[in-house]
C-alpha atoms as a PDB file:
ATOM      1  CA  MET A   1     -13.548  13.890  -4.644  1.00  0.00           C
ATOM      2  CA  SER A   2     -13.353  11.089  -6.718  1.00  0.00           C
ATOM      3  CA  GLN A   3     -14.223  10.380 -10.399  1.00  0.00           C
ATOM      4  CA  GLN A   4     -14.236   6.973 -12.353  1.00  0.00           C
ATOM      5  CA  LEU A   5     -13.698   6.807 -16.044  1.00  0.00           C
ATOM      6  CA  ASP A   6     -14.061   3.820 -18.177  1.00  0.00           C
ATOM      7  CA  PHE A   7     -11.020   4.216 -20.122  1.00  0.00           C
ATOM      8  CA  TRP A   8     -10.886   0.885 -22.033  1.00  0.00           C
ATOM      9  CA  GLY A   9     -13.822   1.976 -23.722  1.00  0.00           C
ATOM     10  CA  MET A  10     -12.406   5.468 -24.309  1.00  0.00           C
ATOM     11  CA  TYR A  11      -9.063   4.562 -25.957  1.00  0.00           C
ATOM     12  CA  PRO A  12     -10.153   1.283 -27.634  1.00  0.00           C
ATOM     13  CA  ASP A  13      -7.435   1.263 -30.196  1.00  0.00           C
ATOM     14  CA  ARG A  14      -4.600   2.476 -28.207  1.00  0.00           C
ATOM     15  CA  ARG A  15      -3.456  -0.746 -26.099  1.00  0.00           C
ATOM     16  CA  VAL A  16       0.107  -1.915 -25.924  1.00  0.00           C
ATOM     17  CA  SER A  17      -0.518  -5.460 -27.156  1.00  0.00           C
ATOM     18  CA  GLY A  18       2.813  -6.474 -28.338  1.00  0.00           C
ATOM     19  CA  GLU A  19       6.761  -5.790 -28.334  1.00  0.00           C
ATOM     20  CA  GLU A  20       6.523  -3.342 -31.177  1.00  0.00           C
ATOM     21  CA  ASP A  21       3.901  -1.034 -29.084  1.00  0.00           C
ATOM     22  CA  VAL A  22       5.739  -1.350 -26.112  1.00  0.00           C
ATOM     23  CA  SER A  23       9.062   0.063 -27.926  1.00  0.00           C
ATOM     24  CA  GLN A  24       6.842   2.669 -29.525  1.00  0.00           C
ATOM     25  CA  ALA A  25       5.363   3.679 -26.315  1.00  0.00           C
ATOM     26  CA  PHE A  26       8.974   4.030 -24.722  1.00  0.00           C
ATOM     27  CA  ASN A  27       9.760   6.315 -27.603  1.00  0.00           C
ATOM     28  CA  GLU A  28       7.078   8.449 -27.399  1.00  0.00           C
ATOM     29  CA  ASP A  29       7.949  12.205 -26.750  1.00  0.00           C
ATOM     30  CA  VAL A  30       6.870  14.285 -23.645  1.00  0.00           C
ATOM     31  CA  SER A  31       3.518  15.790 -24.237  1.00  0.00           C
ATOM     32  CA  LEU A  32       2.683  19.300 -23.457  1.00  0.00           C
ATOM     33  CA  THR A  33       0.496  18.087 -20.708  1.00  0.00           C
ATOM     34  CA  SER A  34       3.404  15.877 -19.139  1.00  0.00           C
ATOM     35  CA  ARG A  35       5.549  19.174 -19.205  1.00  0.00           C
ATOM     36  CA  SER A  36       2.878  20.847 -17.573  1.00  0.00           C
ATOM     37  CA  ILE A  37       3.163  17.887 -14.720  1.00  0.00           C
ATOM     38  CA  ALA A  38       6.753  18.406 -14.561  1.00  0.00           C
ATOM     39  CA  LYS A  39       6.095  21.922 -13.229  1.00  0.00           C
ATOM     40  CA  THR A  40       3.906  20.942 -10.925  1.00  0.00           C
ATOM     41  CA  ALA A  41       5.860  18.415  -9.249  1.00  0.00           C
ATOM     42  CA  ALA A  42       8.828  21.053  -9.082  1.00  0.00           C
ATOM     43  CA  SER A  43       9.244  20.521  -5.451  1.00  0.00           C
ATOM     44  CA  ASN A  44       9.959  16.746  -5.951  1.00  0.00           C
ATOM     45  CA  THR A  45      13.334  15.823  -5.718  1.00  0.00           C
ATOM     46  CA  ALA A  46      15.187  12.373  -6.312  1.00  0.00           C
ATOM     47  CA  GLN A  47      15.938  12.495  -2.242  1.00  0.00           C
ATOM     48  CA  THR A  48      12.464  13.197  -1.678  1.00  0.00           C
ATOM     49  CA  THR A  49      11.101  10.723  -3.552  1.00  0.00           C
ATOM     50  CA  LEU A  50      13.558   7.785  -3.005  1.00  0.00           C
ATOM     51  CA  GLN A  51      11.495   6.381  -0.329  1.00  0.00           C
ATOM     52  CA  LEU A  52       8.396   6.052  -2.600  1.00  0.00           C
ATOM     53  CA  ALA A  53      10.354   4.727  -5.189  1.00  0.00           C
ATOM     54  CA  SER A  54      12.033   2.055  -3.356  1.00  0.00           C
ATOM     55  CA  ARG A  55       8.841   0.414  -2.347  1.00  0.00           C
ATOM     56  CA  SER A  56       7.486   0.372  -5.978  1.00  0.00           C
ATOM     57  CA  TYR A  57       7.859  -1.961  -9.078  1.00  0.00           C
ATOM     58  CA  LEU A  58      11.036   0.108  -9.938  1.00  0.00           C
ATOM     59  CA  VAL A  59      12.854  -2.081  -7.707  1.00  0.00           C
ATOM     60  CA  PRO A  60      12.493  -5.215  -9.528  1.00  0.00           C
ATOM     61  CA  TRP A  61      12.470  -3.379 -13.079  1.00  0.00           C
ATOM     62  CA  PHE A  62      15.855  -1.874 -12.189  1.00  0.00           C
ATOM     63  CA  GLU A  63      17.313  -5.513 -10.857  1.00  0.00           C
ATOM     64  CA  ALA A  64      16.027  -7.184 -13.905  1.00  0.00           C
ATOM     65  CA  LEU A  65      17.520  -4.569 -16.183  1.00  0.00           C
ATOM     66  CA  LEU A  66      20.651  -4.651 -14.506  1.00  0.00           C
ATOM     67  CA  LEU A  67      20.869  -8.282 -15.190  1.00  0.00           C
ATOM     68  CA  ALA A  68      19.977  -7.958 -18.631  1.00  0.00           C
ATOM     69  CA  TYR A  69      22.718  -5.608 -18.919  1.00  0.00           C
ATOM     70  CA  ALA A  70      25.351  -7.963 -17.445  1.00  0.00           C
ATOM     71  CA  TYR A  71      24.537 -10.710 -19.813  1.00  0.00           C
ATOM     72  CA  ARG A  72      23.685  -8.653 -22.839  1.00  0.00           C
ATOM     73  CA  ALA A  73      26.069 -10.644 -24.929  1.00  0.00           C
ATOM     74  CA  ASP A  74      23.791 -13.764 -24.136  1.00  0.00           C
ATOM     75  CA  ASN A  75      21.852 -14.572 -27.370  1.00  0.00           C
ATOM     76  CA  SER A  76      18.621 -14.592 -25.080  1.00  0.00           C
ATOM     77  CA  ILE A  77      19.125 -10.620 -25.095  1.00  0.00           C
ATOM     78  CA  HIS A  78      17.936  -8.392 -27.442  1.00  0.00           C
ATOM     79  CA  ALA A  79      20.888  -5.733 -27.071  1.00  0.00           C
ATOM     80  CA  GLU A  80      18.900  -3.250 -29.201  1.00  0.00           C
ATOM     81  CA  SER A  81      15.713  -3.486 -27.504  1.00  0.00           C
ATOM     82  CA  LEU A  82      17.555  -3.057 -24.182  1.00  0.00           C
ATOM     83  CA  SER A  83      19.290  -0.156 -25.046  1.00  0.00           C
ATOM     84  CA  GLN A  84      15.733   1.743 -26.064  1.00  0.00           C
ATOM     85  CA  VAL A  85      14.298   0.470 -22.634  1.00  0.00           C
ATOM     86  CA  LEU A  86      17.610   1.641 -20.790  1.00  0.00           C
ATOM     87  CA  ALA A  87      17.340   4.930 -22.588  1.00  0.00           C
ATOM     88  CA  ALA A  88      13.808   5.627 -21.805  1.00  0.00           C
ATOM     89  CA  VAL A  89      14.627   4.471 -18.041  1.00  0.00           C
ATOM     90  CA  GLY A  90      18.170   5.517 -17.663  1.00  0.00           C
ATOM     91  CA  GLN A  91      21.368   3.751 -17.345  1.00  0.00           C
ATOM     92  CA  VAL A  92      21.664   1.122 -14.823  1.00  0.00           C
ATOM     93  CA  ASP A  93      25.354  -0.686 -15.251  1.00  0.00           C
ATOM     94  CA  GLY A  94      27.172   0.407 -12.076  1.00  0.00           C
ATOM     95  CA  HIS A  95      24.484   1.531 -10.228  1.00  0.00           C
ATOM     96  CA  SER A  96      22.539   0.563  -6.999  1.00  0.00           C
ATOM     97  CA  PHE A  97      18.665   1.290  -7.124  1.00  0.00           C
ATOM     98  CA  GLN A  98      19.607   4.509  -5.132  1.00  0.00           C
ATOM     99  CA  SER A  99      22.183   5.800  -6.945  1.00  0.00           C
ATOM    100  CA  TRP A 100      20.526   4.843 -10.443  1.00  0.00           C
ATOM    101  CA  TRP A 101      17.122   6.857  -9.171  1.00  0.00           C
ATOM    102  CA  SER A 102      19.629  10.083  -8.197  1.00  0.00           C
ATOM    103  CA  ALA A 103      21.397   9.489 -11.276  1.00  0.00           C
ATOM    104  CA  GLY A 104      18.866   9.177 -13.844  1.00  0.00           C
ATOM    105  CA  GLY A 105      15.830   7.137 -13.015  1.00  0.00           C
ATOM    106  CA  PHE A 106      14.171  10.123 -11.164  1.00  0.00           C
ATOM    107  CA  ALA A 107      14.912  12.335 -14.303  1.00  0.00           C
ATOM    108  CA  HIS A 108      13.218   9.800 -16.423  1.00  0.00           C
ATOM    109  CA  LEU A 109      10.476   8.559 -14.409  1.00  0.00           C
ATOM    110  CA  GLY A 110       9.744  11.323 -11.705  1.00  0.00           C
ATOM    111  CA  HIS A 111       7.134  13.329 -13.254  1.00  0.00           C
ATOM    112  CA  GLY A 112       5.119  10.193 -12.824  1.00  0.00           C
ATOM    113  CA  LEU A 113       4.447  11.523  -9.527  1.00  0.00           C
ATOM    114  CA  THR A 114       1.012  13.493  -9.203  1.00  0.00           C
ATOM    115  CA  ASP A 115      -0.968  15.007  -6.322  1.00  0.00           C
ATOM    116  CA  VAL A 116      -4.073  13.343  -8.020  1.00  0.00           C
ATOM    117  CA  SER A 117      -4.116   9.503  -7.280  1.00  0.00           C
ATOM    118  CA  VAL A 118      -5.332   7.016  -9.744  1.00  0.00           C
ATOM    119  CA  SER A 119      -6.512   2.938  -8.846  1.00  0.00           C
ATOM    120  CA  TYR A 120      -7.575   0.577 -11.552  1.00  0.00           C
ATOM    121  CA  PRO A 121      -7.992  -3.252 -11.453  1.00  0.00           C
ATOM    122  CA  ALA A 122      -5.025  -5.393 -12.305  1.00  0.00           C
ATOM    123  CA  LYS A 123      -7.128  -7.445 -14.337  1.00  0.00           C
ATOM    124  CA  ARG A 124      -9.459  -6.541 -16.925  1.00  0.00           C
ATOM    125  CA  GLY A 125     -13.249  -7.922 -17.064  1.00  0.00           C
ATOM    126  CA  GLY A 126     -14.233 -10.284 -19.350  1.00  0.00           C
ATOM    127  CA  ASN A 127     -15.806  -7.904 -21.720  1.00  0.00           C
ATOM    128  CA  GLY A 128     -12.620  -6.252 -21.942  1.00  0.00           C
ATOM    129  CA  ALA A 129     -13.768  -3.167 -19.856  1.00  0.00           C
ATOM    130  CA  ALA A 130     -12.103  -1.694 -16.741  1.00  0.00           C
ATOM    131  CA  VAL A 131     -12.788   1.291 -14.750  1.00  0.00           C
ATOM    132  CA  ALA A 132      -9.870   3.786 -13.243  1.00  0.00           C
ATOM    133  CA  SER A 133     -10.917   6.101 -10.188  1.00  0.00           C
ATOM    134  CA  PHE A 134      -9.258   9.173  -9.473  1.00  0.00           C
ATOM    135  CA  VAL A 135      -9.081  10.744  -6.098  1.00  0.00           C
ATOM    136  CA  VAL A 136      -8.351  14.524  -5.825  1.00  0.00           C
ATOM    137  CA  ALA A 137      -7.774  16.419  -2.723  1.00  0.00           C
ATOM    138  CA  LEU A 138     -10.342  19.342  -2.243  1.00  0.00           C
ATOM    139  CA  THR A 139      -7.325  21.707  -1.729  1.00  0.00           C
ATOM    140  CA  LEU A 140      -5.723  21.081  -4.919  1.00  0.00           C
ATOM    141  CA  PRO A 141      -6.482  24.150  -7.594  1.00  0.00           C
ATOM    142  CA  ILE A 142      -9.130  23.105 -10.223  1.00  0.00           C
ATOM    143  CA  HIS A 143      -6.416  24.040 -13.155  1.00  0.00           C
ATOM    144  CA  ALA A 144      -3.645  21.542 -11.618  1.00  0.00           C
ATOM    145  CA  ALA A 145      -6.343  18.744 -10.958  1.00  0.00           C
ATOM    146  CA  GLN A 146      -7.342  18.997 -14.572  1.00  0.00           C
ATOM    147  CA  GLN A 147      -4.027  19.083 -15.987  1.00  0.00           C
ATOM    148  CA  GLN A 148      -2.945  16.112 -13.814  1.00  0.00           C
ATOM    149  CA  ILE A 149      -6.250  13.803 -14.602  1.00  0.00           C
ATOM    150  CA  SER A 150      -5.434  14.752 -18.309  1.00  0.00           C
ATOM    151  CA  PHE A 151      -1.801  13.742 -17.743  1.00  0.00           C
ATOM    152  CA  LEU A 152      -2.800  10.314 -16.471  1.00  0.00           C
ATOM    153  CA  LEU A 153      -5.454   9.730 -19.167  1.00  0.00           C
ATOM    154  CA  GLU A 154      -2.701   9.863 -21.379  1.00  0.00           C
ATOM    155  CA  GLN A 155      -0.994   7.269 -19.544  1.00  0.00           C
ATOM    156  CA  LEU A 156      -3.890   5.146 -19.012  1.00  0.00           C
ATOM    157  CA  ALA A 157      -4.467   5.381 -22.766  1.00  0.00           C
ATOM    158  CA  ARG A 158      -1.586   3.416 -23.823  1.00  0.00           C
ATOM    159  CA  PHE A 159      -1.385   1.267 -20.568  1.00  0.00           C
ATOM    160  CA  HIS A 160      -1.892  -2.380 -20.990  1.00  0.00           C
ATOM    161  CA  THR A 161      -3.201  -4.580 -18.067  1.00  0.00           C
ATOM    162  CA  GLY A 162      -0.365  -5.814 -16.105  1.00  0.00           C
ATOM    163  CA  VAL A 163       2.666  -4.585 -18.005  1.00  0.00           C
ATOM    164  CA  LEU A 164       4.199  -1.344 -16.173  1.00  0.00           C
ATOM    165  CA  SER A 165       6.979  -1.006 -19.368  1.00  0.00           C
ATOM    166  CA  SER A 166       3.698  -0.116 -21.495  1.00  0.00           C
ATOM    167  CA  SER A 167       3.076   2.949 -19.779  1.00  0.00           C
ATOM    168  CA  PRO A 168       6.118   3.332 -17.129  1.00  0.00           C
ATOM    169  CA  LEU A 169       5.096   6.740 -15.578  1.00  0.00           C
ATOM    170  CA  LEU A 170       2.313   4.982 -13.961  1.00  0.00           C
ATOM    171  CA  TRP A 171       4.832   3.694 -11.517  1.00  0.00           C
ATOM    172  CA  PRO A 172       3.201   5.318  -8.639  1.00  0.00           C
ATOM    173  CA  SER A 173       0.004   3.395  -8.756  1.00  0.00           C
ATOM    174  CA  PHE A 174       1.123   0.275 -10.789  1.00  0.00           C
ATOM    175  CA  ARG A 175       0.098  -2.915  -9.082  1.00  0.00           C
ATOM    176  CA  SER A 176      -0.328  -6.666 -10.696  1.00  0.00           C
ATOM    177  CA  ALA A 177      -1.027 -10.141  -9.353  1.00  0.00           C
ATOM    178  CA  LEU A 178       2.845 -10.899  -9.219  1.00  0.00           C
ATOM    179  CA  THR A 179       3.831  -8.897  -6.157  1.00  0.00           C
ATOM    180  CA  ILE A 180       7.126  -7.035  -5.828  1.00  0.00           C
ATOM    181  CA  GLN A 181       8.099  -9.713  -3.269  1.00  0.00           C
ATOM    182  CA  ARG A 182       7.866 -12.634  -5.534  1.00  0.00           C
ATOM    183  CA  LEU A 183       9.656 -10.873  -8.507  1.00  0.00           C
ATOM    184  CA  CYS A 184      12.415  -9.670  -6.195  1.00  0.00           C
ATOM    185  CA  LEU A 185      12.555 -13.452  -4.936  1.00  0.00           C
ATOM    186  CA  TYR A 186      12.725 -14.905  -8.428  1.00  0.00           C
ATOM    187  CA  LEU A 187      15.841 -12.198  -9.435  1.00  0.00           C
ATOM    188  CA  LYS A 188      17.143 -13.497  -6.033  1.00  0.00           C
ATOM    189  CA  VAL A 189      17.285 -17.172  -7.039  1.00  0.00           C
ATOM    190  CA  VAL A 190      18.778 -16.405 -10.605  1.00  0.00           C
ATOM    191  CA  ARG A 191      21.840 -14.351  -8.926  1.00  0.00           C
ATOM    192  CA  ALA A 192      22.211 -17.013  -6.552  1.00  0.00           C
ATOM    193  CA  VAL A 193      22.701 -19.437  -9.229  1.00  0.00           C
ATOM    194  CA  ILE A 194      25.122 -17.422 -11.343  1.00  0.00           C
ATOM    195  CA  ALA A 195      27.001 -16.608  -8.099  1.00  0.00           C
ATOM    196  CA  LEU A 196      28.003 -20.384  -7.748  1.00  0.00           C
ATOM    197  CA  PRO A 197      31.506 -21.738  -9.551  1.00  0.00           C
ATOM    198  CA  ALA A 198      30.781 -22.998 -12.920  1.00  0.00           C
ATOM    199  CA  GLU A 199      32.328 -26.514 -11.766  1.00  0.00           C
ATOM    200  CA  ALA A 200      29.471 -26.731  -8.979  1.00  0.00           C
ATOM    201  CA  LYS A 201      27.180 -29.361  -9.459  1.00  0.00           C
ATOM    202  CA  HIS A 202      23.780 -29.578  -8.109  1.00  0.00           C
ATOM    203  CA  LYS A 203      23.518 -25.855  -8.334  1.00  0.00           C
ATOM    204  CA  ILE A 204      19.397 -25.494  -8.477  1.00  0.00           C
ATOM    205  CA  LEU A 205      19.275 -27.846  -5.315  1.00  0.00           C
ATOM    206  CA  THR A 206      22.143 -25.841  -3.637  1.00  0.00           C
ATOM    207  CA  VAL A 207      20.455 -22.640  -3.857  1.00  0.00           C
ATOM    208  CA  GLY A 208      16.893 -24.111  -2.825  1.00  0.00           C
ATOM    209  CA  GLN A 209      18.751 -25.396   0.189  1.00  0.00           C
ATOM    210  CA  GLU A 210      20.551 -22.503   1.315  1.00  0.00           C
ATOM    211  CA  MET A 211      17.472 -20.222   0.677  1.00  0.00           C
ATOM    212  CA  ASN A 212      14.986 -22.466   2.479  1.00  0.00           C
ATOM    213  CA  LEU A 213      12.527 -21.887  -0.612  1.00  0.00           C
ATOM    214  CA  VAL A 214      10.409 -24.897   0.512  1.00  0.00           C
ATOM    215  CA  PRO A 215      10.718 -25.172   4.353  1.00  0.00           C
ATOM    216  CA  LYS A 216       8.331 -28.283   4.399  1.00  0.00           C
ATOM    217  CA  GLN A 217      10.864 -30.029   2.430  1.00  0.00           C
ATOM    218  CA  LYS A 218      14.065 -29.355   4.376  1.00  0.00           C
ATOM    219  CA  VAL A 219      16.305 -32.438   4.661  1.00  0.00           C
ATOM    220  CA  ARG A 220      16.461 -33.808   8.200  1.00  0.00           C
ATOM    221  CA  THR A 221      19.158 -35.918   9.619  1.00  0.00           C
ATOM    222  CA  TYR A 222      17.186 -38.414  10.723  1.00  0.00           C
ATOM    223  CA  ASP A 223      15.018 -38.571   7.265  1.00  0.00           C
ATOM    224  CA  LEU A 224      15.308 -42.192   5.421  1.00  0.00           C
ATOM    225  CA  ALA A 225      16.776 -42.371   2.296  1.00  0.00           C
ATOM    226  CA  GLY A 226      13.739 -42.541   0.517  1.00  0.00           C
ATOM    227  CA  GLU A 227      12.315 -39.262   2.075  1.00  0.00           C
ATOM    228  CA  ARG A 228      15.461 -37.389   1.556  1.00  0.00           C
ATOM    229  CA  GLY A 229      15.499 -37.915  -2.135  1.00  0.00           C
ATOM    230  CA  GLU A 230      11.489 -36.701  -2.197  1.00  0.00           C
ATOM    231  CA  LYS A 231      12.380 -34.180  -0.283  1.00  0.00           C
ATOM    232  CA  ARG A 232      15.379 -32.911  -2.602  1.00  0.00           C
ATOM    233  CA  ASP A 233      13.148 -33.410  -5.903  1.00  0.00           C
ATOM    234  CA  ALA A 234      10.508 -30.864  -4.128  1.00  0.00           C
ATOM    235  CA  ILE A 235      13.313 -28.462  -3.515  1.00  0.00           C
ATOM    236  CA  VAL A 236      14.560 -28.599  -7.009  1.00  0.00           C
ATOM    237  CA  HIS A 237      11.089 -28.488  -8.594  1.00  0.00           C
ATOM    238  CA  ILE A 238      10.206 -25.472  -6.963  1.00  0.00           C
ATOM    239  CA  THR A 239      13.775 -23.860  -7.326  1.00  0.00           C
ATOM    240  CA  TYR A 240      14.081 -24.369 -10.856  1.00  0.00           C
ATOM    241  CA  ASP A 241      10.429 -22.943 -11.376  1.00  0.00           C
ATOM    242  CA  TYR A 242      11.929 -19.977  -9.623  1.00  0.00           C
ATOM    243  CA  PHE A 243      15.119 -19.713 -11.451  1.00  0.00           C
ATOM    244  CA  GLN A 244      13.022 -20.044 -14.792  1.00  0.00           C
ATOM    245  CA  LYS A 245      10.563 -17.366 -14.013  1.00  0.00           C
ATOM    246  CA  GLY A 246      13.665 -14.667 -12.963  1.00  0.00           C
ATOM    247  CA  ARG A 247      15.380 -15.572 -16.005  1.00  0.00           C
ATOM    248  CA  ALA A 248      12.195 -15.072 -18.151  1.00  0.00           C
ATOM    249  CA  LEU A 249      11.567 -11.615 -16.256  1.00  0.00           C
ATOM    250  CA  VAL A 250      15.198 -10.570 -17.336  1.00  0.00           C
ATOM    251  CA  ILE A 251      14.669 -11.667 -20.851  1.00  0.00           C
ATOM    252  CA  ASN A 252      11.457  -9.926 -21.105  1.00  0.00           C
ATOM    253  CA  ALA A 253      12.516  -6.976 -19.564  1.00  0.00           C
ATOM    254  CA  ALA A 254      15.290  -6.261 -21.700  1.00  0.00           C
ATOM    255  CA  ARG A 255      12.610  -6.461 -24.596  1.00  0.00           C
ATOM    256  CA  GLY A 256      10.707  -3.855 -22.828  1.00  0.00           C
ATOM    257  CA  ASN A 257       8.329  -6.088 -21.349  1.00  0.00           C
ATOM    258  CA  PHE A 258       7.720  -6.230 -17.615  1.00  0.00           C
ATOM    259  CA  PRO A 259       6.859  -7.748 -15.239  1.00  0.00           C
ATOM    260  CA  CYS A 260       6.162 -10.782 -17.330  1.00  0.00           C
ATOM    261  CA  VAL A 261       7.492 -14.250 -16.106  1.00  0.00           C
ATOM    262  CA  VAL A 262       6.667 -16.130 -19.236  1.00  0.00           C
ATOM    263  CA  MET A 263       9.469 -17.510 -21.191  1.00  0.00           C
ATOM    264  CA  PRO A 264       9.569 -16.169 -24.564  1.00  0.00           C
ATOM    265  CA  ARG A 265       8.792 -19.400 -26.740  1.00  0.00           C
ATOM    266  CA  GLU A 266      11.939 -19.589 -28.831  1.00  0.00           C
ATOM    267  CA  PHE A 267      13.658 -20.311 -25.185  1.00  0.00           C
ATOM    268  CA  VAL A 268      10.982 -23.186 -24.446  1.00  0.00           C
ATOM    269  CA  LYS A 269      12.393 -26.535 -24.616  1.00  0.00           C
ATOM    270  CA  THR A 270       9.596 -28.865 -25.643  1.00  0.00           C
ATOM    271  CA  ARG A 271       9.960 -32.545 -25.056  1.00  0.00           C
ATOM    272  CA  ARG A 272       9.402 -34.804 -28.104  1.00  0.00           C
ATOM    273  CA  LYS A 273       6.311 -36.740 -27.959  1.00  0.00           C
ATOM    274  CA  ARG A 274       6.857 -40.634 -27.978  1.00  0.00           C
ATOM    275  CA  ALA A 275       5.029 -42.344 -30.710  1.00  0.00           C
ATOM    276  CA  LYS A 276       2.674 -45.174 -29.463  1.00  0.00           C
ATOM    277  CA  LEU A 277       4.042 -48.621 -29.816  1.00  0.00           C
ATOM    278  CA  THR A 278       1.991 -50.820 -32.133  1.00  0.00           C
ATOM    279  CA  ALA A 279       1.021 -54.248 -31.379  1.00  0.00           C
ATOM    280  CA  ALA A 280       4.346 -55.447 -33.524  1.00  0.00           C
ATOM    281  CA  GLN A 281       6.452 -53.515 -31.436  1.00  0.00           C
ATOM    282  CA  TYR A 282       4.836 -54.819 -28.355  1.00  0.00           C
ATOM    283  CA  ALA A 283       5.429 -58.373 -29.275  1.00  0.00           C
ATOM    284  CA  LYS A 284       9.033 -57.397 -30.407  1.00  0.00           C
ATOM    285  CA  TRP A 285       9.675 -56.129 -27.072  1.00  0.00           C
ATOM    286  CA  GLY A 286       8.265 -59.101 -25.490  1.00  0.00           C
ATOM    287  CA  THR A 287       5.287 -57.037 -23.749  1.00  0.00           C
END
C-alpha cells in the first residue's frame, strides 16, 4: 500500500533554511511519536543495522565530522556548532565508522529506521512543491503504520531538500545529487593532501597523479614537454576542485550543514578586477 503526501504544502513554514534553523532542528527533543517508534524498532541493534548504515550518507558525514574534529582549532571550524552536531550524532573522535555506530551513532540515529519506507525528490519543483511517497507492507499492523507515518511526517516537516543535517533521522531514505561515492572521494583527496609532509612541493599535483583522478590526462614518458604541461595543468585543476569541495564539506558539516560542497563566503578568495587602461595609459606603455 502506498500513499503520497505533498509535505512541502502541508508545512510551508517549517523548512530549515539556514544555519540557525539547522541547529534548532538538532536540538529539538525527541517527541512522543519518536519514542513510540523506538519501541516498535526494539529488535534493531547496532550490529544488525551496521550494514545498512555503512551504505548510507552517514559514512561521508562521519568522515567529514572526524576531519572537522581533528582540525577544530583551525579558524575555519566553528567549535561551538561542531559540539552541537556531535551531541546530536555521537562523538567521533578515536572511532572508525563501525565503532562509532556501535558506541553512539546507533543510539542517536537508529530509531530513524522504520518498517514504512519513504521516498521523495532530491530536488524541489519550480513551484516549491514536492511529494513524499510512503510504502507500507500489508502485514504491518494499522496502529504501527499510523505511528510510523506520523513519525516520518515529523521528520519531513523540518527537512530541507538536499540537506540531511536538517532532519538526520531521515538518513535511511536520504538521497542527493551528490552521491555517497563522490562525497567520499572529495574527503579522500583532502586526507591525501593533508597526509603529505609539510615541506612537500606540488601537493595537489602529487595527489592527483597518485590517485589517477584524471585517467585521460595521465603523463606518459613519450609525451612532449608541452603535452606534459597541459596534462599536469588539467590534473591540478580537477584535483584542486575536489580538494576545495572536500574542505567545504568538512567546514559545512561542522556548522550543521551536510552535505554541502559550497565554500562559505568568508573563505572564498576573490580576485581583484583589473581596471581598464585608459588611452593615456596605453600610450604610456607604448601599446
